[in-house]
Every structure is written in C-alpha cells, then in structure tokens.
Amino acid sequence: MRKGIHPEYGPVVFRDRAADYTFLTRSTMTSEKTIEWEDGNTYPVVDVEISDASHPFYTGTARVLDTAGRVERFERRYGKKG
C-alpha cells in the first residue's frame, strides 16, 4: 500500500440503538464520540440504525410472501408463454 492515501484502519465499536447491541471490530470509520469497552480501553463509537441484531432477516421475524399466488396472478395478467 502506498503511504498517505488510505484512511486509518483501527478498532471501532458499532452500536445498534434499536436492539441495544454493540460490537467491536476494525474499520476505517471514525467518530468524535467514544465508549469504554469491556476490556477497559476507550474506542470511537459509531451509531447504526440496523444490524444483525435488529434486522428482520437475521432475527427470523421477516414476512413470508405468498410467491405462488403472485406468480399465478402475473401469469393471469400477462399470459403464460411457452
């Protein structure tokens, strides 16, 4: 890597306020806000709107669509080719 053209890559805490969930990872994102982590160190914290803890796909609360009914309706409307 060339020096001076890449952003700094370091530890950052991401916090999902909706699920009251935080995790420590490495990222190029920065923040003025900081948080004291479980290991006693202080890290920048980035608030996110959604994470794997609150997203319906990952939590199992996603709606199941009636795909068979939608396909049949499409075929009735536009005709079945073939």
PDB file of N, CA and C in Angstrom:
ATOM      1  N   MET A   1       0.839  -1.189   0.000  1.00  0.00           N
ATOM      2  CA  MET A   1       0.000   0.000   0.000  1.00  0.00           C
ATOM      3  C   MET A   1       0.882   1.249   0.000  1.00  0.00           C
ATOM      4  N   ARG A   2       0.447   2.217  -0.753  1.00  0.00           N
ATOM      5  CA  ARG A   2       1.170   3.489  -0.746  1.00  0.00           C
ATOM      6  C   ARG A   2       0.844   4.235   0.532  1.00  0.00           C
ATOM      7  N   LYS A   3       1.817   4.895   1.080  1.00  0.00           N
ATOM      8  CA  LYS A   3       1.648   5.649   2.324  1.00  0.00           C
ATOM      9  C   LYS A   3       0.896   6.943   2.066  1.00  0.00           C
ATOM     10  N   GLY A   4       0.017   7.309   2.997  1.00  0.00           N
ATOM     11  CA  GLY A   4      -0.638   8.613   2.964  1.00  0.00           C
ATOM     12  C   GLY A   4      -1.887   8.711   2.110  1.00  0.00           C
ATOM     13  N   ILE A   5      -2.308   7.657   1.410  1.00  0.00           N
ATOM     14  CA  ILE A   5      -3.509   7.780   0.573  1.00  0.00           C
ATOM     15  C   ILE A   5      -4.688   6.976   1.111  1.00  0.00           C
ATOM     16  N   HIS A   6      -4.445   6.130   2.097  1.00  0.00           N
ATOM     17  CA  HIS A   6      -5.509   5.293   2.630  1.00  0.00           C
ATOM     18  C   HIS A   6      -5.942   5.796   4.002  1.00  0.00           C
ATOM     19  N   PRO A   7      -7.241   5.659   4.322  1.00  0.00           N
ATOM     20  CA  PRO A   7      -7.688   6.078   5.654  1.00  0.00           C
ATOM     21  C   PRO A   7      -7.144   5.137   6.726  1.00  0.00           C
ATOM     22  N   GLU A   8      -7.070   5.641   7.940  1.00  0.00           N
ATOM     23  CA  GLU A   8      -6.564   4.836   9.051  1.00  0.00           C
ATOM     24  C   GLU A   8      -7.541   3.707   9.364  1.00  0.00           C
ATOM     25  N   TYR A   9      -7.020   2.535   9.591  1.00  0.00           N
ATOM     26  CA  TYR A   9      -7.813   1.338   9.853  1.00  0.00           C
ATOM     27  C   TYR A   9      -7.556   0.913  11.288  1.00  0.00           C
ATOM     28  N   GLY A  10      -8.604   0.967  12.129  1.00  0.00           N
ATOM     29  CA  GLY A  10      -8.386   0.626  13.527  1.00  0.00           C
ATOM     30  C   GLY A  10      -9.651   0.149  14.204  1.00  0.00           C
ATOM     31  N   PRO A  11      -9.577  -0.149  15.488  1.00  0.00           N
ATOM     32  CA  PRO A  11     -10.735  -0.660  16.215  1.00  0.00           C
ATOM     33  C   PRO A  11     -11.823   0.403  16.379  1.00  0.00           C
ATOM     34  N   VAL A  12     -13.072  -0.013  16.160  1.00  0.00           N
ATOM     35  CA  VAL A  12     -14.238   0.859  16.288  1.00  0.00           C
ATOM     36  C   VAL A  12     -15.371   0.037  16.885  1.00  0.00           C
ATOM     37  N   VAL A  13     -16.170   0.655  17.751  1.00  0.00           N
ATOM     38  CA  VAL A  13     -17.351  -0.004  18.306  1.00  0.00           C
ATOM     39  C   VAL A  13     -18.566   0.485  17.523  1.00  0.00           C
ATOM     40  N   PHE A  14     -19.352  -0.460  17.014  1.00  0.00           N
ATOM     41  CA  PHE A  14     -20.608  -0.134  16.357  1.00  0.00           C
ATOM     42  C   PHE A  14     -21.731  -0.421  17.335  1.00  0.00           C
ATOM     43  N   ARG A  15     -22.679   0.538  17.455  1.00  0.00           N
ATOM     44  CA  ARG A  15     -23.771   0.415  18.416  1.00  0.00           C
ATOM     45  C   ARG A  15     -25.110   0.521  17.700  1.00  0.00           C
ATOM     46  N   ASP A  16     -25.912  -0.525  17.839  1.00  0.00           N
ATOM     47  CA  ASP A  16     -27.276  -0.542  17.299  1.00  0.00           C
ATOM     48  C   ASP A  16     -28.200  -0.116  18.431  1.00  0.00           C
ATOM     49  N   ARG A  17     -28.686   1.098  18.354  1.00  0.00           N
ATOM     50  CA  ARG A  17     -29.531   1.641  19.423  1.00  0.00           C
ATOM     51  C   ARG A  17     -30.870   0.934  19.513  1.00  0.00           C
ATOM     52  N   ALA A  18     -31.419   0.482  18.397  1.00  0.00           N
ATOM     53  CA  ALA A  18     -32.732  -0.156  18.392  1.00  0.00           C
ATOM     54  C   ALA A  18     -32.710  -1.476  19.161  1.00  0.00           C
ATOM     55  N   ALA A  19     -31.612  -2.215  19.071  1.00  0.00           N
ATOM     56  CA  ALA A  19     -31.527  -3.524  19.716  1.00  0.00           C
ATOM     57  C   ALA A  19     -30.667  -3.496  20.979  1.00  0.00           C
ATOM     58  N   ASP A  20     -30.126  -2.327  21.331  1.00  0.00           N
ATOM     59  CA  ASP A  20     -29.224  -2.206  22.467  1.00  0.00           C
ATOM     60  C   ASP A  20     -28.102  -3.241  22.346  1.00  0.00           C
ATOM     61  N   TYR A  21     -27.414  -3.202  21.203  1.00  0.00           N
ATOM     62  CA  TYR A  21     -26.399  -4.193  20.853  1.00  0.00           C
ATOM     63  C   TYR A  21     -25.147  -3.471  20.383  1.00  0.00           C
ATOM     64  N   THR A  22     -23.988  -3.849  20.897  1.00  0.00           N
ATOM     65  CA  THR A  22     -22.725  -3.249  20.480  1.00  0.00           C
ATOM     66  C   THR A  22     -21.732  -4.352  20.139  1.00  0.00           C
ATOM     67  N   PHE A  23     -20.854  -4.046  19.197  1.00  0.00           N
ATOM     68  CA  PHE A  23     -19.786  -4.986  18.872  1.00  0.00           C
ATOM     69  C   PHE A  23     -18.546  -4.225  18.444  1.00  0.00           C
ATOM     70  N   LEU A  24     -17.407  -4.797  18.774  1.00  0.00           N
ATOM     71  CA  LEU A  24     -16.112  -4.202  18.478  1.00  0.00           C
ATOM     72  C   LEU A  24     -15.536  -4.881  17.249  1.00  0.00           C
ATOM     73  N   THR A  25     -15.110  -4.075  16.298  1.00  0.00           N
ATOM     74  CA  THR A  25     -14.492  -4.593  15.083  1.00  0.00           C
ATOM     75  C   THR A  25     -13.468  -3.575  14.594  1.00  0.00           C
ATOM     76  N   ARG A  26     -12.885  -3.832  13.459  1.00  0.00           N
ATOM     77  CA  ARG A  26     -11.945  -2.882  12.868  1.00  0.00           C
ATOM     78  C   ARG A  26     -12.598  -2.249  11.652  1.00  0.00           C
ATOM     79  N   SER A  27     -12.363  -0.958  11.469  1.00  0.00           N
ATOM     80  CA  SER A  27     -12.993  -0.238  10.371  1.00  0.00           C
ATOM     81  C   SER A  27     -12.203   1.021  10.073  1.00  0.00           C
ATOM     82  N   THR A  28     -12.519   1.636   8.924  1.00  0.00           N
ATOM     83  CA  THR A  28     -11.938   2.933   8.587  1.00  0.00           C
ATOM     84  C   THR A  28     -12.843   4.078   9.043  1.00  0.00           C
ATOM     85  N   MET A  29     -14.027   3.755   9.550  1.00  0.00           N
ATOM     86  CA  MET A  29     -14.938   4.792  10.041  1.00  0.00           C
ATOM     87  C   MET A  29     -14.383   5.402  11.320  1.00  0.00           C
ATOM     88  N   THR A  30     -14.688   6.673  11.532  1.00  0.00           N
ATOM     89  CA  THR A  30     -14.258   7.365  12.741  1.00  0.00           C
ATOM     90  C   THR A  30     -15.437   8.099  13.340  1.00  0.00           C
ATOM     91  N   SER A  31     -15.265   8.528  14.580  1.00  0.00           N
ATOM     92  CA  SER A  31     -16.320   9.258  15.263  1.00  0.00           C
ATOM     93  C   SER A  31     -15.700  10.105  16.357  1.00  0.00           C
ATOM     94  N   GLU A  32     -16.361  11.200  16.662  1.00  0.00           N
ATOM     95  CA  GLU A  32     -15.923  12.048  17.779  1.00  0.00           C
ATOM     96  C   GLU A  32     -16.346  11.431  19.106  1.00  0.00           C
ATOM     97  N   LYS A  33     -17.432  10.646  19.089  1.00  0.00           N
ATOM     98  CA  LYS A  33     -17.931  10.013  20.307  1.00  0.00           C
ATOM     99  C   LYS A  33     -17.073   8.801  20.632  1.00  0.00           C
ATOM    100  N   THR A  34     -16.886   8.547  21.921  1.00  0.00           N
ATOM    101  CA  THR A  34     -16.113   7.389  22.357  1.00  0.00           C
ATOM    102  C   THR A  34     -16.910   6.604  23.393  1.00  0.00           C
ATOM    103  N   ILE A  35     -16.479   5.366  23.605  1.00  0.00           N
ATOM    104  CA  ILE A  35     -17.112   4.499  24.585  1.00  0.00           C
ATOM    105  C   ILE A  35     -16.027   3.653  25.236  1.00  0.00           C
ATOM    106  N   GLU A  36     -16.211   3.370  26.517  1.00  0.00           N
ATOM    107  CA  GLU A  36     -15.274   2.482  27.201  1.00  0.00           C
ATOM    108  C   GLU A  36     -15.765   1.057  27.013  1.00  0.00           C
ATOM    109  N   TRP A  37     -14.911   0.218  26.450  1.00  0.00           N
ATOM    110  CA  TRP A  37     -15.282  -1.159  26.126  1.00  0.00           C
ATOM    111  C   TRP A  37     -15.005  -2.065  27.314  1.00  0.00           C
ATOM    112  N   GLU A  38     -15.424  -3.320  27.211  1.00  0.00           N
ATOM    113  CA  GLU A  38     -15.298  -4.292  28.291  1.00  0.00           C
ATOM    114  C   GLU A  38     -13.855  -4.549  28.706  1.00  0.00           C
ATOM    115  N   ASP A  39     -12.912  -4.327  27.797  1.00  0.00           N
ATOM    116  CA  ASP A  39     -11.507  -4.560  28.121  1.00  0.00           C
ATOM    117  C   ASP A  39     -10.857  -3.365  28.821  1.00  0.00           C
ATOM    118  N   GLY A  40     -11.628  -2.298  29.061  1.00  0.00           N
ATOM    119  CA  GLY A  40     -11.119  -1.127  29.753  1.00  0.00           C
ATOM    120  C   GLY A  40     -10.566  -0.057  28.841  1.00  0.00           C
ATOM    121  N   ASN A  41     -10.437  -0.327  27.550  1.00  0.00           N
ATOM    122  CA  ASN A  41      -9.935   0.652  26.591  1.00  0.00           C
ATOM    123  C   ASN A  41     -11.081   1.513  26.064  1.00  0.00           C
ATOM    124  N   THR A  42     -10.743   2.697  25.582  1.00  0.00           N
ATOM    125  CA  THR A  42     -11.723   3.610  25.014  1.00  0.00           C
ATOM    126  C   THR A  42     -11.585   3.588  23.504  1.00  0.00           C
ATOM    127  N   TYR A  43     -12.729   3.398  22.817  1.00  0.00           N
ATOM    128  CA  TYR A  43     -12.755   3.312  21.360  1.00  0.00           C
ATOM    129  C   TYR A  43     -13.782   4.291  20.809  1.00  0.00           C
ATOM    130  N   PRO A  44     -13.598   4.732  19.551  1.00  0.00           N
ATOM    131  CA  PRO A  44     -14.644   5.523  18.919  1.00  0.00           C
ATOM    132  C   PRO A  44     -15.889   4.672  18.718  1.00  0.00           C
ATOM    133  N   VAL A  45     -17.073   5.285  18.848  1.00  0.00           N
ATOM    134  CA  VAL A  45     -18.319   4.548  18.693  1.00  0.00           C
ATOM    135  C   VAL A  45     -19.124   5.148  17.550  1.00  0.00           C
ATOM    136  N   VAL A  46     -19.657   4.278  16.690  1.00  0.00           N
ATOM    137  CA  VAL A  46     -20.483   4.693  15.556  1.00  0.00           C
ATOM    138  C   VAL A  46     -21.868   4.108  15.765  1.00  0.00           C
ATOM    139  N   ASP A  47     -22.891   4.977  15.803  1.00  0.00           N
ATOM    140  CA  ASP A  47     -24.266   4.521  15.952  1.00  0.00           C
ATOM    141  C   ASP A  47     -24.824   4.134  14.588  1.00  0.00           C
ATOM    142  N   VAL A  48     -25.416   2.946  14.515  1.00  0.00           N
ATOM    143  CA  VAL A  48     -26.013   2.464  13.273  1.00  0.00           C
ATOM    144  C   VAL A  48     -27.506   2.252  13.491  1.00  0.00           C
ATOM    145  N   GLU A  49     -28.280   2.360  12.414  1.00  0.00           N
ATOM    146  CA  GLU A  49     -29.724   2.207  12.516  1.00  0.00           C
ATOM    147  C   GLU A  49     -30.150   0.756  12.550  1.00  0.00           C
ATOM    148  N   ILE A  50     -29.353  -0.117  11.944  1.00  0.00           N
ATOM    149  CA  ILE A  50     -29.747  -1.512  11.855  1.00  0.00           C
ATOM    150  C   ILE A  50     -28.508  -2.395  11.851  1.00  0.00           C
ATOM    151  N   SER A  51     -28.625  -3.551  12.468  1.00  0.00           N
ATOM    152  CA  SER A  51     -27.530  -4.521  12.484  1.00  0.00           C
ATOM    153  C   SER A  51     -28.128  -5.916  12.428  1.00  0.00           C
ATOM    154  N   ASP A  52     -27.296  -6.928  12.558  1.00  0.00           N
ATOM    155  CA  ASP A  52     -27.825  -8.290  12.523  1.00  0.00           C
ATOM    156  C   ASP A  52     -28.722  -8.572  13.726  1.00  0.00           C
ATOM    157  N   ALA A  53     -28.612  -7.782  14.785  1.00  0.00           N
ATOM    158  CA  ALA A  53     -29.446  -7.989  15.971  1.00  0.00           C
ATOM    159  C   ALA A  53     -30.859  -7.439  15.788  1.00  0.00           C
ATOM    160  N   SER A  54     -31.041  -6.465  14.896  1.00  0.00           N
ATOM    161  CA  SER A  54     -32.363  -5.855  14.754  1.00  0.00           C
ATOM    162  C   SER A  54     -32.974  -6.015  13.361  1.00  0.00           C
ATOM    163  N   HIS A  55     -32.226  -6.515  12.397  1.00  0.00           N
ATOM    164  CA  HIS A  55     -32.758  -6.656  11.044  1.00  0.00           C
ATOM    165  C   HIS A  55     -33.682  -7.870  10.972  1.00  0.00           C
ATOM    166  N   PRO A  56     -34.876  -7.728  10.388  1.00  0.00           N
ATOM    167  CA  PRO A  56     -35.846  -8.830  10.365  1.00  0.00           C
ATOM    168  C   PRO A  56     -35.324 -10.098   9.697  1.00  0.00           C
ATOM    169  N   PHE A  57     -34.469  -9.976   8.704  1.00  0.00           N
ATOM    170  CA  PHE A  57     -33.953 -11.160   8.027  1.00  0.00           C
ATOM    171  C   PHE A  57     -33.138 -12.030   8.979  1.00  0.00           C
ATOM    172  N   TYR A  58     -32.324 -11.390   9.814  1.00  0.00           N
ATOM    173  CA  TYR A  58     -31.451 -12.135  10.714  1.00  0.00           C
ATOM    174  C   TYR A  58     -32.154 -12.576  11.993  1.00  0.00           C
ATOM    175  N   THR A  59     -33.199 -11.868  12.407  1.00  0.00           N
ATOM    176  CA  THR A  59     -33.876 -12.209  13.661  1.00  0.00           C
ATOM    177  C   THR A  59     -34.982 -13.226  13.469  1.00  0.00           C
ATOM    178  N   GLY A  60     -35.346 -13.528  12.226  1.00  0.00           N
ATOM    179  CA  GLY A  60     -36.380 -14.515  11.966  1.00  0.00           C
ATOM    180  C   GLY A  60     -37.784 -13.948  11.978  1.00  0.00           C
ATOM    181  N   THR A  61     -37.928 -12.626  12.010  1.00  0.00           N
ATOM    182  CA  THR A  61     -39.251 -12.014  12.035  1.00  0.00           C
ATOM    183  C   THR A  61     -39.666 -11.483  10.670  1.00  0.00           C
ATOM    184  N   ALA A  62     -39.001 -11.933   9.620  1.00  0.00           N
ATOM    185  CA  ALA A  62     -39.320 -11.472   8.275  1.00  0.00           C
ATOM    186  C   ALA A  62     -40.666 -12.035   7.832  1.00  0.00           C
ATOM    187  N   ARG A  63     -41.375 -11.283   7.007  1.00  0.00           N
ATOM    188  CA  ARG A  63     -42.651 -11.742   6.473  1.00  0.00           C
ATOM    189  C   ARG A  63     -42.395 -12.734   5.348  1.00  0.00           C
ATOM    190  N   VAL A  64     -43.205 -13.746   5.283  1.00  0.00           N
ATOM    191  CA  VAL A  64     -43.124 -14.713   4.201  1.00  0.00           C
ATOM    192  C   VAL A  64     -44.156 -14.313   3.162  1.00  0.00           C
ATOM    193  N   LEU A  65     -43.709 -14.074   1.947  1.00  0.00           N
ATOM    194  CA  LEU A  65     -44.616 -13.662   0.886  1.00  0.00           C
ATOM    195  C   LEU A  65     -45.240 -14.872   0.218  1.00  0.00           C
ATOM    196  N   ASP A  66     -46.452 -14.697  -0.246  1.00  0.00           N
ATOM    197  CA  ASP A  66     -47.154 -15.759  -0.972  1.00  0.00           C
ATOM    198  C   ASP A  66     -46.673 -15.711  -2.413  1.00  0.00           C
ATOM    199  N   THR A  67     -45.520 -16.319  -2.666  1.00  0.00           N
ATOM    200  CA  THR A  67     -44.939 -16.233  -4.003  1.00  0.00           C
ATOM    201  C   THR A  67     -45.748 -17.005  -5.023  1.00  0.00           C
ATOM    202  N   ALA A  68     -46.369 -18.107  -4.637  1.00  0.00           N
ATOM    203  CA  ALA A  68     -47.167 -18.875  -5.594  1.00  0.00           C
ATOM    204  C   ALA A  68     -48.344 -18.042  -6.081  1.00  0.00           C
ATOM    205  N   GLY A  69     -49.016 -17.357  -5.195  1.00  0.00           N
ATOM    206  CA  GLY A  69     -50.139 -16.504  -5.591  1.00  0.00           C
ATOM    207  C   GLY A  69     -49.698 -15.358  -6.483  1.00  0.00           C
ATOM    208  N   ARG A  70     -48.544 -14.818  -6.226  1.00  0.00           N
ATOM    209  CA  ARG A  70     -48.045 -13.710  -7.033  1.00  0.00           C
ATOM    210  C   ARG A  70     -47.685 -14.178  -8.431  1.00  0.00           C
ATOM    211  N   VAL A  71     -47.091 -15.373  -8.540  1.00  0.00           N
ATOM    212  CA  VAL A  71     -46.737 -15.915  -9.850  1.00  0.00           C
ATOM    213  C   VAL A  71     -48.001 -16.197 -10.654  1.00  0.00           C
ATOM    214  N   GLU A  72     -48.998 -16.796 -10.010  1.00  0.00           N
ATOM    215  CA  GLU A  72     -50.257 -17.093 -10.706  1.00  0.00           C
ATOM    216  C   GLU A  72     -50.939 -15.814 -11.165  1.00  0.00           C
ATOM    217  N   ARG A  73     -50.942 -14.807 -10.349  1.00  0.00           N
ATOM    218  CA  ARG A  73     -51.549 -13.527 -10.726  1.00  0.00           C
ATOM    219  C   ARG A  73     -50.807 -12.911 -11.912  1.00  0.00           C
ATOM    220  N   PHE A  74     -49.480 -13.001 -11.913  1.00  0.00           N
ATOM    221  CA  PHE A  74     -48.691 -12.491 -13.024  1.00  0.00           C
ATOM    222  C   PHE A  74     -49.030 -13.243 -14.305  1.00  0.00           C
ATOM    223  N   GLU A  75     -49.127 -14.582 -14.208  1.00  0.00           N
ATOM    224  CA  GLU A  75     -49.434 -15.387 -15.390  1.00  0.00           C
ATOM    225  C   GLU A  75     -50.840 -15.093 -15.913  1.00  0.00           C
ATOM    226  N   ARG A  76     -51.800 -14.861 -15.021  1.00  0.00           N
ATOM    227  CA  ARG A  76     -53.155 -14.499 -15.467  1.00  0.00           C
ATOM    228  C   ARG A  76     -53.154 -13.148 -16.170  1.00  0.00           C
ATOM    229  N   ARG A  77     -52.408 -12.233 -15.640  1.00  0.00           N
ATOM    230  CA  ARG A  77     -52.418 -10.873 -16.184  1.00  0.00           C
ATOM    231  C   ARG A  77     -51.686 -10.800 -17.518  1.00  0.00           C
ATOM    232  N   TYR A  78     -50.532 -11.430 -17.619  1.00  0.00           N
ATOM    233  CA  TYR A  78     -49.709 -11.285 -18.815  1.00  0.00           C
ATOM    234  C   TYR A  78     -49.668 -12.528 -19.688  1.00  0.00           C
ATOM    235  N   GLY A  79     -50.314 -13.577 -19.254  1.00  0.00           N
ATOM    236  CA  GLY A  79     -50.360 -14.803 -20.045  1.00  0.00           C
ATOM    237  C   GLY A  79     -49.112 -15.634 -19.869  1.00  0.00           C
ATOM    238  N   LYS A  80     -49.314 -16.925 -19.984  1.00  0.00           N
ATOM    239  CA  LYS A  80     -48.195 -17.839 -19.827  1.00  0.00           C
ATOM    240  C   LYS A  80     -47.569 -18.081 -21.187  1.00  0.00           C
ATOM    241  N   LYS A  81     -46.280 -17.884 -21.265  1.00  0.00           N
ATOM    242  CA  LYS A  81     -45.581 -18.080 -22.539  1.00  0.00           C
ATOM    243  C   LYS A  81     -44.988 -19.480 -22.543  1.00  0.00           C
ATOM    244  N   GLY A  82     -44.967 -20.088 -23.706  1.00  0.00           N
ATOM    245  CA  GLY A  82     -44.267 -21.336 -23.751  1.00  0.00           C
ATOM    246  C   GLY A  82     -44.984 -22.379 -24.449  1.00  0.00           C
TER     247      GLY A  82
END
